Amino acid sequence: MALDGITLHAIIKELKEEIIGGRIDKIYQPEKEELIFIIRNKGKNYKLLLSAN
């Protein structure tokens, strides 16, 4: 997936609104090049998938 400026701006905006100020509850590594962060903020859990693939 190509990331242009508009897409990157939308991703940053959503992350700021949802997970800034939260705390990392758990980290999973389902694959060699993937991490899943469970982040708790404002009484809700969020999953953030980071992939180096």
C-alpha atoms as a PDB file:
ATOM      1  CA  MET A   1       0.000   0.000   0.000  1.00  0.00           C
ATOM      2  CA  ALA A   2       1.431   3.344  -1.012  1.00  0.00           C
ATOM      3  CA  LEU A   3       1.327   6.074   1.621  1.00  0.00           C
ATOM      4  CA  ASP A   4       0.802   9.546   0.251  1.00  0.00           C
ATOM      5  CA  GLY A   5       0.566  12.679   2.369  1.00  0.00           C
ATOM      6  CA  ILE A   6      -3.231  12.628   2.626  1.00  0.00           C
ATOM      7  CA  THR A   7      -3.342   9.000   3.783  1.00  0.00           C
ATOM      8  CA  LEU A   8      -0.524   9.503   6.275  1.00  0.00           C
ATOM      9  CA  HIS A   9      -2.239  12.612   7.677  1.00  0.00           C
ATOM     10  CA  ALA A  10      -5.490  10.659   8.209  1.00  0.00           C
ATOM     11  CA  ILE A  11      -3.635   7.820   9.967  1.00  0.00           C
ATOM     12  CA  ILE A  12      -1.814  10.226  12.287  1.00  0.00           C
ATOM     13  CA  LYS A  13      -5.044  12.070  13.119  1.00  0.00           C
ATOM     14  CA  GLU A  14      -6.848   8.835  14.020  1.00  0.00           C
ATOM     15  CA  LEU A  15      -3.958   7.571  16.153  1.00  0.00           C
ATOM     16  CA  LYS A  16      -3.752  10.880  18.031  1.00  0.00           C
ATOM     17  CA  GLU A  17      -7.486  10.844  18.778  1.00  0.00           C
ATOM     18  CA  GLU A  18      -7.645   7.219  19.890  1.00  0.00           C
ATOM     19  CA  ILE A  19      -4.400   6.156  21.568  1.00  0.00           C
ATOM     20  CA  ILE A  20      -2.464   9.229  22.750  1.00  0.00           C
ATOM     21  CA  GLY A  21      -2.493   9.120  26.534  1.00  0.00           C
ATOM     22  CA  GLY A  22      -3.291   5.408  26.624  1.00  0.00           C
ATOM     23  CA  ARG A  23      -1.154   2.672  28.086  1.00  0.00           C
ATOM     24  CA  ILE A  24       0.204  -0.444  26.451  1.00  0.00           C
ATOM     25  CA  ASP A  25      -1.481  -3.396  28.125  1.00  0.00           C
ATOM     26  CA  LYS A  26       0.001  -6.288  26.119  1.00  0.00           C
ATOM     27  CA  ILE A  27       2.302  -6.923  23.177  1.00  0.00           C
ATOM     28  CA  TYR A  28       2.010  -9.992  20.961  1.00  0.00           C
ATOM     29  CA  GLN A  29       4.299 -11.215  18.192  1.00  0.00           C
ATOM     30  CA  PRO A  30       2.158 -13.527  16.035  1.00  0.00           C
ATOM     31  CA  GLU A  31       4.702 -13.592  13.187  1.00  0.00           C
ATOM     32  CA  LYS A  32       8.406 -12.891  12.866  1.00  0.00           C
ATOM     33  CA  GLU A  33       7.799  -9.448  11.350  1.00  0.00           C
ATOM     34  CA  GLU A  34       4.579  -8.436  13.145  1.00  0.00           C
ATOM     35  CA  LEU A  35       3.760  -6.886  16.503  1.00  0.00           C
ATOM     36  CA  ILE A  36       0.293  -6.321  17.936  1.00  0.00           C
ATOM     37  CA  PHE A  37      -0.029  -3.751  20.718  1.00  0.00           C
ATOM     38  CA  ILE A  38      -3.124  -3.788  22.926  1.00  0.00           C
ATOM     39  CA  ILE A  39      -3.571  -0.201  24.105  1.00  0.00           C
ATOM     40  CA  ARG A  40      -6.084   0.829  26.772  1.00  0.00           C
ATOM     41  CA  ASN A  41      -7.418   4.379  26.634  1.00  0.00           C
ATOM     42  CA  LYS A  42     -10.661   6.061  27.678  1.00  0.00           C
ATOM     43  CA  GLY A  43     -12.132   2.767  28.913  1.00  0.00           C
ATOM     44  CA  LYS A  44     -11.633   1.009  25.569  1.00  0.00           C
ATOM     45  CA  ASN A  45      -9.069  -1.407  24.157  1.00  0.00           C
ATOM     46  CA  TYR A  46      -7.406  -0.690  20.823  1.00  0.00           C
ATOM     47  CA  LYS A  47      -5.277  -3.035  18.721  1.00  0.00           C
ATOM     48  CA  LEU A  48      -2.368  -1.551  16.801  1.00  0.00           C
ATOM     49  CA  LEU A  49      -0.710  -3.857  14.260  1.00  0.00           C
ATOM     50  CA  LEU A  50       2.831  -3.018  13.169  1.00  0.00           C
ATOM     51  CA  SER A  51       4.200  -5.022  10.265  1.00  0.00           C
ATOM     52  CA  ALA A  52       7.683  -4.861   8.757  1.00  0.00           C
ATOM     53  CA  ASN A  53       6.615  -6.910   5.777  1.00  0.00           C
END
